[in-house]
Amino acid sequence: MDREIIERAKNINLMAYLELVLGLVPHKRSANNGTFYLSPFRQEKGPSLHVSYSNGIW
């Protein structure tokens, strides 16, 4: 993969993308632990998809 594409991907705000583009609703926000969402890949009652504020990983 092109290095420029990788660097651009690293700069995407994952939480904004999940909420604004995919329409996911945050179920729990924490200053230290990030945000939890219901997985878009399966039916679930408790949020399992986690995105970290500090390092932008999921």
N, C-alpha and C. Protein backbone atom coordinates (compact mmCIF):
# COMPACT_ATOMS: atom_id res chain seq x y z
N MET A 1 0.84 -1.18 0.00
CA MET A 1 0.00 0.00 0.00
C MET A 1 0.89 1.24 0.00
N ASP A 2 0.44 2.27 -0.65
CA ASP A 2 1.17 3.52 -0.74
C ASP A 2 1.32 4.16 0.65
N ARG A 3 2.51 4.61 0.99
CA ARG A 3 2.78 5.21 2.31
C ARG A 3 1.89 6.42 2.57
N GLU A 4 1.62 7.22 1.55
CA GLU A 4 0.76 8.40 1.70
C GLU A 4 -0.66 7.99 2.12
N ILE A 5 -1.17 6.94 1.54
CA ILE A 5 -2.50 6.46 1.90
C ILE A 5 -2.53 5.99 3.35
N ILE A 6 -1.49 5.30 3.75
CA ILE A 6 -1.40 4.82 5.13
C ILE A 6 -1.37 6.00 6.10
N GLU A 7 -0.58 7.01 5.82
CA GLU A 7 -0.49 8.18 6.69
C GLU A 7 -1.82 8.92 6.75
N ARG A 8 -2.51 9.05 5.63
CA ARG A 8 -3.83 9.70 5.62
C ARG A 8 -4.82 8.91 6.46
N ALA A 9 -4.77 7.59 6.35
CA ALA A 9 -5.68 6.74 7.13
C ALA A 9 -5.42 6.88 8.62
N LYS A 10 -4.17 7.05 9.01
CA LYS A 10 -3.83 7.21 10.43
C LYS A 10 -4.39 8.51 11.01
N ASN A 11 -4.67 9.48 10.17
CA ASN A 11 -5.15 10.78 10.64
C ASN A 11 -6.67 10.91 10.66
N ILE A 12 -7.38 9.86 10.29
CA ILE A 12 -8.84 9.89 10.31
C ILE A 12 -9.33 9.86 11.75
N ASN A 13 -10.29 10.70 12.07
CA ASN A 13 -10.92 10.68 13.38
C ASN A 13 -11.93 9.53 13.36
N LEU A 14 -11.54 8.39 13.96
CA LEU A 14 -12.37 7.19 13.89
C LEU A 14 -13.74 7.40 14.53
N MET A 15 -13.80 8.11 15.64
CA MET A 15 -15.08 8.32 16.32
C MET A 15 -16.01 9.17 15.45
N ALA A 16 -15.50 10.21 14.84
CA ALA A 16 -16.32 11.04 13.96
C ALA A 16 -16.80 10.23 12.77
N TYR A 17 -15.94 9.40 12.22
CA TYR A 17 -16.32 8.56 11.08
C TYR A 17 -17.43 7.59 11.47
N LEU A 18 -17.26 6.91 12.59
CA LEU A 18 -18.27 5.95 13.04
C LEU A 18 -19.62 6.62 13.26
N GLU A 19 -19.60 7.81 13.85
CA GLU A 19 -20.84 8.50 14.19
C GLU A 19 -21.46 9.22 13.00
N LEU A 20 -20.66 9.96 12.25
CA LEU A 20 -21.20 10.80 11.17
C LEU A 20 -21.40 10.04 9.86
N VAL A 21 -20.51 9.13 9.55
CA VAL A 21 -20.60 8.42 8.27
C VAL A 21 -21.39 7.12 8.41
N LEU A 22 -21.08 6.33 9.45
CA LEU A 22 -21.74 5.05 9.62
C LEU A 22 -23.01 5.13 10.48
N GLY A 23 -23.18 6.25 11.19
CA GLY A 23 -24.39 6.44 11.99
C GLY A 23 -24.42 5.66 13.29
N LEU A 24 -23.26 5.21 13.77
CA LEU A 24 -23.23 4.50 15.05
C LEU A 24 -23.43 5.48 16.20
N VAL A 25 -24.09 5.00 17.23
CA VAL A 25 -24.37 5.83 18.40
C VAL A 25 -23.45 5.41 19.54
N PRO A 26 -22.73 6.36 20.14
CA PRO A 26 -21.88 6.00 21.27
C PRO A 26 -22.74 5.55 22.45
N HIS A 27 -22.33 4.46 23.09
CA HIS A 27 -23.09 3.95 24.24
C HIS A 27 -22.42 4.27 25.55
N LYS A 28 -21.14 4.52 25.52
CA LYS A 28 -20.42 4.86 26.75
C LYS A 28 -19.18 5.65 26.36
N ARG A 29 -18.99 6.78 27.01
CA ARG A 29 -17.78 7.58 26.78
C ARG A 29 -17.03 7.69 28.09
N SER A 30 -15.73 7.61 27.99
CA SER A 30 -14.88 7.72 29.16
C SER A 30 -13.65 8.54 28.80
N ALA A 31 -13.27 9.44 29.66
CA ALA A 31 -12.11 10.29 29.39
C ALA A 31 -10.83 9.45 29.21
N ASN A 32 -10.70 8.40 29.98
CA ASN A 32 -9.48 7.58 29.91
C ASN A 32 -9.58 6.42 28.94
N ASN A 33 -10.78 5.89 28.78
CA ASN A 33 -10.92 4.64 28.01
C ASN A 33 -11.50 4.80 26.62
N GLY A 34 -11.94 5.99 26.24
CA GLY A 34 -12.47 6.18 24.90
C GLY A 34 -13.98 6.00 24.83
N THR A 35 -14.46 5.50 23.71
CA THR A 35 -15.88 5.36 23.46
C THR A 35 -16.21 3.93 23.04
N PHE A 36 -17.35 3.46 23.52
CA PHE A 36 -17.83 2.12 23.18
C PHE A 36 -19.07 2.24 22.30
N TYR A 37 -19.14 1.39 21.27
CA TYR A 37 -20.26 1.35 20.33
C TYR A 37 -20.74 -0.08 20.21
N LEU A 38 -22.01 -0.24 19.80
CA LEU A 38 -22.49 -1.57 19.43
C LEU A 38 -21.80 -1.95 18.12
N SER A 39 -21.40 -3.18 18.00
CA SER A 39 -20.72 -3.63 16.79
C SER A 39 -21.64 -3.55 15.59
N PRO A 40 -21.17 -3.00 14.46
CA PRO A 40 -21.98 -2.97 13.25
C PRO A 40 -21.97 -4.32 12.52
N PHE A 41 -21.20 -5.29 13.03
CA PHE A 41 -21.03 -6.57 12.35
C PHE A 41 -21.93 -7.68 12.89
N ARG A 42 -22.60 -7.42 14.04
CA ARG A 42 -23.46 -8.45 14.62
C ARG A 42 -24.49 -7.79 15.53
N GLN A 43 -25.51 -8.54 15.88
CA GLN A 43 -26.52 -8.06 16.82
C GLN A 43 -25.97 -8.26 18.22
N GLU A 44 -25.99 -7.21 19.02
CA GLU A 44 -25.54 -7.33 20.40
C GLU A 44 -26.27 -6.33 21.28
N LYS A 45 -26.34 -6.63 22.56
CA LYS A 45 -27.02 -5.75 23.52
C LYS A 45 -26.03 -4.88 24.27
N GLY A 46 -24.83 -5.36 24.44
CA GLY A 46 -23.78 -4.60 25.12
C GLY A 46 -22.72 -4.19 24.13
N PRO A 47 -22.24 -2.95 24.21
CA PRO A 47 -21.25 -2.46 23.25
C PRO A 47 -19.91 -3.19 23.38
N SER A 48 -19.37 -3.62 22.24
CA SER A 48 -18.09 -4.31 22.25
C SER A 48 -17.04 -3.63 21.39
N LEU A 49 -17.45 -2.69 20.55
CA LEU A 49 -16.50 -1.97 19.70
C LEU A 49 -15.97 -0.77 20.47
N HIS A 50 -14.67 -0.74 20.68
CA HIS A 50 -14.05 0.29 21.50
C HIS A 50 -13.08 1.10 20.66
N VAL A 51 -13.17 2.43 20.75
CA VAL A 51 -12.23 3.33 20.08
C VAL A 51 -11.58 4.20 21.14
N SER A 52 -10.27 4.22 21.16
CA SER A 52 -9.51 4.97 22.16
C SER A 52 -9.32 6.42 21.74
N TYR A 53 -9.58 7.35 22.67
CA TYR A 53 -9.32 8.77 22.42
C TYR A 53 -7.83 9.04 22.29
N SER A 54 -7.04 8.42 23.16
CA SER A 54 -5.64 8.78 23.27
C SER A 54 -4.80 8.38 22.06
N ASN A 55 -5.07 7.22 21.49
CA ASN A 55 -4.21 6.81 20.38
C ASN A 55 -4.98 6.47 19.11
N GLY A 56 -6.30 6.66 19.10
CA GLY A 56 -7.09 6.50 17.89
C GLY A 56 -7.16 5.10 17.33
N ILE A 57 -7.03 4.10 18.19
CA ILE A 57 -7.10 2.73 17.69
C ILE A 57 -8.41 2.08 18.14
N TRP A 58 -8.76 1.01 17.48
CA TRP A 58 -9.98 0.26 17.85
C TRP A 58 -9.65 -1.20 17.96
